[in-house]
Protein backbone atom coordinates (compact mmCIF):
# COMPACT_ATOMS: atom_id res chain seq x y z
CA MET A 1 82.67 82.33 105.87
CA ARG A 2 84.71 83.72 102.97
CA ASN A 3 83.80 82.65 99.31
CA LYS A 4 87.06 80.81 97.96
CA ARG A 5 86.36 82.60 94.73
CA SER A 6 86.46 86.13 96.04
CA PRO A 7 89.73 88.27 95.38
CA ARG A 8 91.75 87.76 98.31
CA LYS A 9 93.66 91.03 97.91
CA LEU A 10 90.91 93.10 97.00
CA GLY A 11 90.58 94.79 100.70
CA LYS A 12 94.14 95.62 100.72
CA LYS A 13 94.10 97.29 97.12
CA LEU A 14 91.17 99.32 98.19
CA GLU A 15 93.02 100.49 101.36
CA TYR A 16 96.04 101.25 99.23
CA ILE A 17 93.98 103.47 96.90
CA ARG A 18 92.58 105.39 99.56
CA ARG A 19 95.60 105.91 101.34
CA ASN A 20 97.31 106.84 98.20
CA LEU A 21 94.49 109.55 97.57
CA GLY A 22 94.80 110.80 101.16
CA TYR A 23 91.10 110.31 101.88
CA SER A 24 89.48 109.57 105.16
CA LEU A 25 86.93 106.61 105.28
CA ASP A 26 84.19 109.05 105.10
CA GLU A 27 85.78 110.75 102.15
CA MET A 28 86.16 107.37 100.30
CA ALA A 29 82.84 106.46 100.86
CA LEU A 30 81.35 109.71 99.45
CA ALA A 31 83.72 109.32 96.46
CA VAL A 32 82.49 105.89 95.73
CA GLY A 33 78.81 106.83 96.10
CA GLN A 34 78.34 105.23 99.37
CA THR A 35 75.86 107.13 101.56
CA GLY A 36 73.92 106.90 104.70
CA VAL A 37 74.85 106.51 108.36
CA SER A 38 77.08 103.61 107.90
CA LYS A 39 79.14 104.77 105.13
CA ARG A 40 82.32 104.90 106.99
CA ALA A 41 81.83 101.45 108.32
CA ARG A 42 81.19 100.07 104.86
CA VAL A 43 84.50 101.24 103.77
CA TYR A 44 86.16 99.73 106.61
CA GLU A 45 84.50 96.50 106.11
CA TRP A 46 85.55 96.28 102.37
CA GLU A 47 89.30 97.16 103.32
CA ASN A 48 89.17 94.30 105.96
CA GLY A 49 87.45 91.86 103.99
CA ILE A 50 84.29 91.64 106.08
CA ARG A 51 82.17 92.48 103.21
CA GLN A 52 82.63 92.85 99.40
CA PRO A 53 81.79 96.16 97.73
CA GLY A 54 79.24 96.07 95.00
CA LEU A 55 80.07 96.21 91.41
CA LEU A 56 79.29 100.11 90.99
CA GLN A 57 81.66 100.83 94.03
CA ILE A 58 84.29 98.60 92.32
CA LEU A 59 83.94 100.64 89.13
CA ALA A 60 84.04 104.04 91.04
CA TYR A 61 87.29 102.93 92.80
CA ALA A 62 88.88 102.06 89.46
CA LYS A 63 87.63 105.16 87.81
CA LEU A 64 89.06 107.28 90.63
CA VAL A 65 92.69 106.13 89.76
CA ASP A 66 92.34 105.32 86.11
CA ILE A 67 92.79 101.43 86.60
CA SER A 68 90.83 98.59 85.16
CA THR A 69 88.48 96.72 87.54
CA ASP A 70 90.43 93.62 86.34
CA THR A 71 93.50 95.11 88.45
CA LEU A 72 91.11 95.42 91.67
CA LEU A 73 89.82 91.87 91.32
CA ASP A 74 92.67 89.83 89.84
CA ASP A 75 94.99 88.73 92.93
CA SER A 76 97.78 87.98 90.49
CA VAL A 77 97.99 91.93 89.18
CA LYS A 78 99.76 94.19 91.32
CA ILE A 79 98.16 97.74 91.64
CA ASN A 80 100.41 100.60 90.64
CA ILE A 81 99.15 104.04 91.18
CA GLU A 82 101.09 107.29 90.32
CA LYS A 83 101.27 109.55 93.06
CA ASP A 84 100.19 112.69 91.24
CA LYS A 85 96.76 111.30 90.45
């Protein structure tokens, strides 16, 4: 069951970042420090709201596209990434 306090748009924002960067699930997993056999599945689960990423992964996503973690976690803030990043 989903925690009512968790960001509801986080998964879609993470997917937006990955697609904007042109990364596969595997490439995104490596870029945010996720390793192991299930790394691809983890990114899929984050993007689809099955699991929440850890704080280090959220920070890694934010750093990849030079945005604040607040932008990722606050549902009221829209994500805007320049295409050339």
